[in-house]
Amino acid sequence: MIDEVRWVEGPSVLKISANPGLYNSREARRWVLNGRLAPEFAFPIEVEWVKSRNNRLETFQVVDCWRLKDDSAHCD
């Protein structure tokens, strides 16, 4: 279920909750960022990775985002 949609109107930072296998693998995180997520955005993105406490999370989940220029301003 999708709880919220935000328009990304410039370079942004995504906060991503990842399962331990993904979180602990630099190669896997690099692939998710560059191979899976970056092509979906018209603007550059950076990622703040957080290890999920949910043991049932199979891959990753974007839990927050904010503009790259001002960390306190959310993407909405």
PDB file of N, CA and C in Angstrom:
ATOM      1  N   MET A   1       0.830  -1.161   0.000  1.00  0.00           N
ATOM      2  CA  MET A   1       0.000   0.000   0.000  1.00  0.00           C
ATOM      3  C   MET A   1       0.890   1.245   0.000  1.00  0.00           C
ATOM      4  N   ILE A   2       0.540   2.220  -0.796  1.00  0.00           N
ATOM      5  CA  ILE A   2       1.267   3.489  -0.838  1.00  0.00           C
ATOM      6  C   ILE A   2       0.563   4.471   0.096  1.00  0.00           C
ATOM      7  N   ASP A   3       1.302   4.959   1.083  1.00  0.00           N
ATOM      8  CA  ASP A   3       0.734   5.881   2.066  1.00  0.00           C
ATOM      9  C   ASP A   3       0.859   7.342   1.658  1.00  0.00           C
ATOM     10  N   GLU A   4       1.875   7.655   0.868  1.00  0.00           N
ATOM     11  CA  GLU A   4       2.141   9.057   0.561  1.00  0.00           C
ATOM     12  C   GLU A   4       2.912   9.154  -0.751  1.00  0.00           C
ATOM     13  N   VAL A   5       2.671  10.214  -1.492  1.00  0.00           N
ATOM     14  CA  VAL A   5       3.400  10.505  -2.720  1.00  0.00           C
ATOM     15  C   VAL A   5       3.968  11.911  -2.596  1.00  0.00           C
ATOM     16  N   ARG A   6       5.226  12.085  -2.966  1.00  0.00           N
ATOM     17  CA  ARG A   6       5.855  13.412  -2.943  1.00  0.00           C
ATOM     18  C   ARG A   6       6.442  13.694  -4.310  1.00  0.00           C
ATOM     19  N   TRP A   7       6.319  14.946  -4.758  1.00  0.00           N
ATOM     20  CA  TRP A   7       6.943  15.380  -6.003  1.00  0.00           C
ATOM     21  C   TRP A   7       8.370  15.804  -5.697  1.00  0.00           C
ATOM     22  N   VAL A   8       9.312  15.263  -6.433  1.00  0.00           N
ATOM     23  CA  VAL A   8      10.714  15.620  -6.267  1.00  0.00           C
ATOM     24  C   VAL A   8      11.022  16.676  -7.316  1.00  0.00           C
ATOM     25  N   GLU A   9      11.313  17.889  -6.870  1.00  0.00           N
ATOM     26  CA  GLU A   9      11.501  19.012  -7.780  1.00  0.00           C
ATOM     27  C   GLU A   9      12.936  19.518  -7.823  1.00  0.00           C
ATOM     28  N   GLY A  10      13.869  18.718  -7.372  1.00  0.00           N
ATOM     29  CA  GLY A  10      15.275  19.095  -7.402  1.00  0.00           C
ATOM     30  C   GLY A  10      16.110  17.998  -6.770  1.00  0.00           C
ATOM     31  N   PRO A  11      17.415  18.176  -6.729  1.00  0.00           N
ATOM     32  CA  PRO A  11      18.292  17.188  -6.103  1.00  0.00           C
ATOM     33  C   PRO A  11      17.815  16.885  -4.680  1.00  0.00           C
ATOM     34  N   SER A  12      17.778  15.604  -4.325  1.00  0.00           N
ATOM     35  CA  SER A  12      17.193  15.198  -3.050  1.00  0.00           C
ATOM     36  C   SER A  12      17.990  14.098  -2.373  1.00  0.00           C
ATOM     37  N   VAL A  13      17.719  13.940  -1.091  1.00  0.00           N
ATOM     38  CA  VAL A  13      18.278  12.850  -0.296  1.00  0.00           C
ATOM     39  C   VAL A  13      17.122  11.928   0.072  1.00  0.00           C
ATOM     40  N   LEU A  14      17.305  10.632  -0.147  1.00  0.00           N
ATOM     41  CA  LEU A  14      16.312   9.643   0.245  1.00  0.00           C
ATOM     42  C   LEU A  14      16.804   8.917   1.484  1.00  0.00           C
ATOM     43  N   LYS A  15      15.954   8.760   2.475  1.00  0.00           N
ATOM     44  CA  LYS A  15      16.273   7.944   3.634  1.00  0.00           C
ATOM     45  C   LYS A  15      15.676   6.573   3.371  1.00  0.00           C
ATOM     46  N   ILE A  16      16.540   5.547   3.318  1.00  0.00           N
ATOM     47  CA  ILE A  16      16.106   4.214   2.944  1.00  0.00           C
ATOM     48  C   ILE A  16      16.354   3.238   4.079  1.00  0.00           C
ATOM     49  N   SER A  17      15.307   2.528   4.459  1.00  0.00           N
ATOM     50  CA  SER A  17      15.404   1.442   5.430  1.00  0.00           C
ATOM     51  C   SER A  17      15.654   0.158   4.640  1.00  0.00           C
ATOM     52  N   ALA A  18      16.736  -0.533   4.958  1.00  0.00           N
ATOM     53  CA  ALA A  18      17.127  -1.727   4.196  1.00  0.00           C
ATOM     54  C   ALA A  18      17.288  -2.923   5.116  1.00  0.00           C
ATOM     55  N   ASN A  19      17.010  -4.111   4.571  1.00  0.00           N
ATOM     56  CA  ASN A  19      17.212  -5.316   5.372  1.00  0.00           C
ATOM     57  C   ASN A  19      18.708  -5.480   5.656  1.00  0.00           C
ATOM     58  N   PRO A  20      19.082  -6.256   6.674  1.00  0.00           N
ATOM     59  CA  PRO A  20      20.495  -6.366   7.047  1.00  0.00           C
ATOM     60  C   PRO A  20      21.405  -6.835   5.917  1.00  0.00           C
ATOM     61  N   GLY A  21      20.943  -7.747   5.072  1.00  0.00           N
ATOM     62  CA  GLY A  21      21.774  -8.227   3.969  1.00  0.00           C
ATOM     63  C   GLY A  21      22.131  -7.117   3.007  1.00  0.00           C
ATOM     64  N   LEU A  22      21.188  -6.297   2.664  1.00  0.00           N
ATOM     65  CA  LEU A  22      21.421  -5.168   1.772  1.00  0.00           C
ATOM     66  C   LEU A  22      22.217  -4.078   2.479  1.00  0.00           C
ATOM     67  N   TYR A  23      21.844  -3.776   3.699  1.00  0.00           N
ATOM     68  CA  TYR A  23      22.511  -2.723   4.464  1.00  0.00           C
ATOM     69  C   TYR A  23      24.005  -3.012   4.642  1.00  0.00           C
ATOM     70  N   ASN A  24      24.359  -4.266   4.861  1.00  0.00           N
ATOM     71  CA  ASN A  24      25.754  -4.643   5.130  1.00  0.00           C
ATOM     72  C   ASN A  24      26.593  -4.863   3.875  1.00  0.00           C
ATOM     73  N   SER A  25      25.997  -4.731   2.696  1.00  0.00           N
ATOM     74  CA  SER A  25      26.727  -4.961   1.447  1.00  0.00           C
ATOM     75  C   SER A  25      26.884  -3.648   0.679  1.00  0.00           C
ATOM     76  N   ARG A  26      28.089  -3.132   0.629  1.00  0.00           N
ATOM     77  CA  ARG A  26      28.355  -1.891  -0.098  1.00  0.00           C
ATOM     78  C   ARG A  26      28.012  -2.050  -1.578  1.00  0.00           C
ATOM     79  N   GLU A  27      28.350  -3.191  -2.149  1.00  0.00           N
ATOM     80  CA  GLU A  27      28.063  -3.461  -3.567  1.00  0.00           C
ATOM     81  C   GLU A  27      26.556  -3.455  -3.842  1.00  0.00           C
ATOM     82  N   ALA A  28      25.783  -4.089  -2.977  1.00  0.00           N
ATOM     83  CA  ALA A  28      24.327  -4.133  -3.155  1.00  0.00           C
ATOM     84  C   ALA A  28      23.716  -2.737  -3.016  1.00  0.00           C
ATOM     85  N   ARG A  29      24.187  -1.968  -2.031  1.00  0.00           N
ATOM     86  CA  ARG A  29      23.672  -0.608  -1.857  1.00  0.00           C
ATOM     87  C   ARG A  29      23.999   0.255  -3.076  1.00  0.00           C
ATOM     88  N   ARG A  30      25.195   0.101  -3.619  1.00  0.00           N
ATOM     89  CA  ARG A  30      25.602   0.851  -4.810  1.00  0.00           C
ATOM     90  C   ARG A  30      24.697   0.486  -5.995  1.00  0.00           C
ATOM     91  N   TRP A  31      24.382  -0.814  -6.152  1.00  0.00           N
ATOM     92  CA  TRP A  31      23.516  -1.237  -7.246  1.00  0.00           C
ATOM     93  C   TRP A  31      22.106  -0.655  -7.078  1.00  0.00           C
ATOM     94  N   VAL A  32      21.558  -0.697  -5.863  1.00  0.00           N
ATOM     95  CA  VAL A  32      20.217  -0.153  -5.632  1.00  0.00           C
ATOM     96  C   VAL A  32      20.197   1.336  -5.971  1.00  0.00           C
ATOM     97  N   LEU A  33      21.204   2.075  -5.531  1.00  0.00           N
ATOM     98  CA  LEU A  33      21.245   3.511  -5.793  1.00  0.00           C
ATOM     99  C   LEU A  33      21.408   3.806  -7.279  1.00  0.00           C
ATOM    100  N   ASN A  34      22.443   3.244  -7.904  1.00  0.00           N
ATOM    101  CA  ASN A  34      22.782   3.594  -9.278  1.00  0.00           C
ATOM    102  C   ASN A  34      22.008   2.815 -10.337  1.00  0.00           C
ATOM    103  N   GLY A  35      21.657   1.576 -10.041  1.00  0.00           N
ATOM    104  CA  GLY A  35      20.988   0.741 -11.034  1.00  0.00           C
ATOM    105  C   GLY A  35      19.482   0.736 -10.931  1.00  0.00           C
ATOM    106  N   ARG A  36      18.969   0.910  -9.746  1.00  0.00           N
ATOM    107  CA  ARG A  36      17.523   0.801  -9.534  1.00  0.00           C
ATOM    108  C   ARG A  36      16.854   2.159  -9.311  1.00  0.00           C
ATOM    109  N   LEU A  37      17.395   2.993  -8.434  1.00  0.00           N
ATOM    110  CA  LEU A  37      16.720   4.240  -8.060  1.00  0.00           C
ATOM    111  C   LEU A  37      17.076   5.433  -8.954  1.00  0.00           C
ATOM    112  N   ALA A  38      18.348   5.699  -9.156  1.00  0.00           N
ATOM    113  CA  ALA A  38      18.775   6.901  -9.889  1.00  0.00           C
ATOM    114  C   ALA A  38      18.122   7.028 -11.265  1.00  0.00           C
ATOM    115  N   PRO A  39      17.971   5.955 -12.052  1.00  0.00           N
ATOM    116  CA  PRO A  39      17.331   6.103 -13.360  1.00  0.00           C
ATOM    117  C   PRO A  39      15.865   6.547 -13.282  1.00  0.00           C
ATOM    118  N   GLU A  40      15.229   6.394 -12.139  1.00  0.00           N
ATOM    119  CA  GLU A  40      13.820   6.766 -11.979  1.00  0.00           C
ATOM    120  C   GLU A  40      13.626   8.248 -11.651  1.00  0.00           C
ATOM    121  N   PHE A  41      14.708   8.959 -11.376  1.00  0.00           N
ATOM    122  CA  PHE A  41      14.625  10.366 -10.978  1.00  0.00           C
ATOM    123  C   PHE A  41      15.215  11.264 -12.055  1.00  0.00           C
ATOM    124  N   ALA A  42      14.590  12.414 -12.271  1.00  0.00           N
ATOM    125  CA  ALA A  42      15.093  13.390 -13.234  1.00  0.00           C
ATOM    126  C   ALA A  42      16.207  14.239 -12.629  1.00  0.00           C
ATOM    127  N   PHE A  43      16.343  14.192 -11.294  1.00  0.00           N
ATOM    128  CA  PHE A  43      17.340  14.984 -10.583  1.00  0.00           C
ATOM    129  C   PHE A  43      18.291  14.047  -9.838  1.00  0.00           C
ATOM    130  N   PRO A  44      19.502  14.522  -9.514  1.00  0.00           N
ATOM    131  CA  PRO A  44      20.440  13.710  -8.737  1.00  0.00           C
ATOM    132  C   PRO A  44      19.854  13.374  -7.358  1.00  0.00           C
ATOM    133  N   ILE A  45      20.170  12.181  -6.874  1.00  0.00           N
ATOM    134  CA  ILE A  45      19.750  11.774  -5.534  1.00  0.00           C
ATOM    135  C   ILE A  45      20.945  11.255  -4.757  1.00  0.00           C
ATOM    136  N   GLU A  46      20.859  11.397  -3.455  1.00  0.00           N
ATOM    137  CA  GLU A  46      21.797  10.774  -2.522  1.00  0.00           C
ATOM    138  C   GLU A  46      20.958   9.933  -1.575  1.00  0.00           C
ATOM    139  N   VAL A  47      21.614   9.024  -0.867  1.00  0.00           N
ATOM    140  CA  VAL A  47      20.875   8.118   0.005  1.00  0.00           C
ATOM    141  C   VAL A  47      21.470   8.111   1.403  1.00  0.00           C
ATOM    142  N   GLU A  48      20.611   8.131   2.404  1.00  0.00           N
ATOM    143  CA  GLU A  48      20.987   7.898   3.798  1.00  0.00           C
ATOM    144  C   GLU A  48      20.429   6.520   4.142  1.00  0.00           C
ATOM    145  N   TRP A  49      21.313   5.551   4.359  1.00  0.00           N
ATOM    146  CA  TRP A  49      20.899   4.172   4.625  1.00  0.00           C
ATOM    147  C   TRP A  49      20.675   3.957   6.121  1.00  0.00           C
ATOM    148  N   VAL A  50      19.617   3.230   6.442  1.00  0.00           N
ATOM    149  CA  VAL A  50      19.296   2.881   7.824  1.00  0.00           C
ATOM    150  C   VAL A  50      18.996   1.391   7.851  1.00  0.00           C
ATOM    151  N   LYS A  51      19.600   0.681   8.806  1.00  0.00           N
ATOM    152  CA  LYS A  51      19.316  -0.753   8.928  1.00  0.00           C
ATOM    153  C   LYS A  51      17.921  -0.941   9.510  1.00  0.00           C
ATOM    154  N   SER A  52      17.118  -1.740   8.832  1.00  0.00           N
ATOM    155  CA  SER A  52      15.744  -1.973   9.258  1.00  0.00           C
ATOM    156  C   SER A  52      15.706  -2.844  10.513  1.00  0.00           C
ATOM    157  N   ARG A  53      14.783  -2.515  11.393  1.00  0.00           N
ATOM    158  CA  ARG A  53      14.552  -3.369  12.567  1.00  0.00           C
ATOM    159  C   ARG A  53      13.451  -4.377  12.280  1.00  0.00           C
ATOM    160  N   ASN A  54      12.824  -4.230  11.112  1.00  0.00           N
ATOM    161  CA  ASN A  54      11.772  -5.141  10.683  1.00  0.00           C
ATOM    162  C   ASN A  54      12.414  -6.342   9.985  1.00  0.00           C
ATOM    163  N   ASN A  55      12.485  -7.465  10.664  1.00  0.00           N
ATOM    164  CA  ASN A  55      13.136  -8.652  10.098  1.00  0.00           C
ATOM    165  C   ASN A  55      12.375  -9.241   8.912  1.00  0.00           C
ATOM    166  N   ARG A  56      11.140  -8.792   8.686  1.00  0.00           N
ATOM    167  CA  ARG A  56      10.357  -9.314   7.566  1.00  0.00           C
ATOM    168  C   ARG A  56      10.528  -8.472   6.300  1.00  0.00           C
ATOM    169  N   LEU A  57      11.230  -7.339   6.387  1.00  0.00           N
ATOM    170  CA  LEU A  57      11.483  -6.520   5.203  1.00  0.00           C
ATOM    171  C   LEU A  57      12.428  -7.280   4.288  1.00  0.00           C
ATOM    172  N   GLU A  58      11.996  -7.547   3.065  1.00  0.00           N
ATOM    173  CA  GLU A  58      12.796  -8.371   2.160  1.00  0.00           C
ATOM    174  C   GLU A  58      13.867  -7.600   1.408  1.00  0.00           C
ATOM    175  N   THR A  59      13.644  -6.333   1.128  1.00  0.00           N
ATOM    176  CA  THR A  59      14.644  -5.565   0.386  1.00  0.00           C
ATOM    177  C   THR A  59      14.858  -4.192   1.021  1.00  0.00           C
ATOM    178  N   PHE A  60      14.171  -3.167   0.515  1.00  0.00           N
ATOM    179  CA  PHE A  60      14.340  -1.824   1.049  1.00  0.00           C
ATOM    180  C   PHE A  60      13.042  -1.044   0.927  1.00  0.00           C
ATOM    181  N   GLN A  61      12.989   0.064   1.651  1.00  0.00           N
ATOM    182  CA  GLN A  61      11.807   0.924   1.643  1.00  0.00           C
ATOM    183  C   GLN A  61      12.271   2.362   1.832  1.00  0.00           C
ATOM    184  N   VAL A  62      11.809   3.275   0.979  1.00  0.00           N
ATOM    185  CA  VAL A  62      12.106   4.695   1.147  1.00  0.00           C
ATOM    186  C   VAL A  62      11.163   5.227   2.225  1.00  0.00           C
ATOM    187  N   VAL A  63      11.738   5.755   3.309  1.00  0.00           N
ATOM    188  CA  VAL A  63      10.921   6.191   4.446  1.00  0.00           C
ATOM    189  C   VAL A  63      10.847   7.708   4.605  1.00  0.00           C
ATOM    190  N   ASP A  64      11.716   8.451   3.904  1.00  0.00           N
ATOM    191  CA  ASP A  64      11.675   9.907   3.984  1.00  0.00           C
ATOM    192  C   ASP A  64      12.510  10.476   2.845  1.00  0.00           C
ATOM    193  N   CYS A  65      12.308  11.757   2.562  1.00  0.00           N
ATOM    194  CA  CYS A  65      13.167  12.450   1.601  1.00  0.00           C
ATOM    195  C   CYS A  65      13.164  13.933   1.911  1.00  0.00           C
ATOM    196  N   TRP A  66      14.222  14.600   1.491  1.00  0.00           N
ATOM    197  CA  TRP A  66      14.318  16.042   1.663  1.00  0.00           C
ATOM    198  C   TRP A  66      15.223  16.589   0.578  1.00  0.00           C
ATOM    199  N   ARG A  67      15.103  17.891   0.357  1.00  0.00           N
ATOM    200  CA  ARG A  67      15.909  18.546  -0.670  1.00  0.00           C
ATOM    201  C   ARG A  67      17.379  18.516  -0.280  1.00  0.00           C
ATOM    202  N   LEU A  68      18.214  18.325  -1.260  1.00  0.00           N
ATOM    203  CA  LEU A  68      19.656  18.235  -1.024  1.00  0.00           C
ATOM    204  C   LEU A  68      20.234  19.537  -0.489  1.00  0.00           C
ATOM    205  N   LYS A  69      19.740  20.686  -0.949  1.00  0.00           N
ATOM    206  CA  LYS A  69      20.294  21.974  -0.532  1.00  0.00           C
ATOM    207  C   LYS A  69      19.993  22.303   0.922  1.00  0.00           C
ATOM    208  N   ASP A  70      18.826  21.920   1.408  1.00  0.00           N
ATOM    209  CA  ASP A  70      18.407  22.282   2.765  1.00  0.00           C
ATOM    210  C   ASP A  70      17.839  21.046   3.449  1.00  0.00           C
ATOM    211  N   ASP A  71      18.632  20.410   4.309  1.00  0.00           N
ATOM    212  CA  ASP A  71      18.226  19.156   4.939  1.00  0.00           C
ATOM    213  C   ASP A  71      16.957  19.268   5.762  1.00  0.00           C
ATOM    214  N   SER A  72      16.560  20.461   6.168  1.00  0.00           N
ATOM    215  CA  SER A  72      15.373  20.598   6.994  1.00  0.00           C
ATOM    216  C   SER A  72      14.101  20.724   6.170  1.00  0.00           C
ATOM    217  N   ALA A  73      14.221  20.944   4.877  1.00  0.00           N
ATOM    218  CA  ALA A  73      13.039  21.126   4.012  1.00  0.00           C
ATOM    219  C   ALA A  73      12.661  19.800   3.383  1.00  0.00           C
ATOM    220  N   HIS A  74      11.488  19.334   3.660  1.00  0.00           N
ATOM    221  CA  HIS A  74      11.030  18.072   3.054  1.00  0.00           C
ATOM    222  C   HIS A  74      10.639  18.298   1.600  1.00  0.00           C
ATOM    223  N   CYS A  75      10.510  17.212   0.868  1.00  0.00           N
ATOM    224  CA  CYS A  75      10.277  17.270  -0.576  1.00  0.00           C
ATOM    225  C   CYS A  75       8.852  17.638  -0.966  1.00  0.00           C
ATOM    226  N   ASP A  76       7.979  17.893  -0.036  1.00  0.00           N
ATOM    227  CA  ASP A  76       6.595  18.180  -0.414  1.00  0.00           C
ATOM    228  C   ASP A  76       6.415  19.569  -0.818  1.00  0.00           C
TER     229      ASP A  76
END
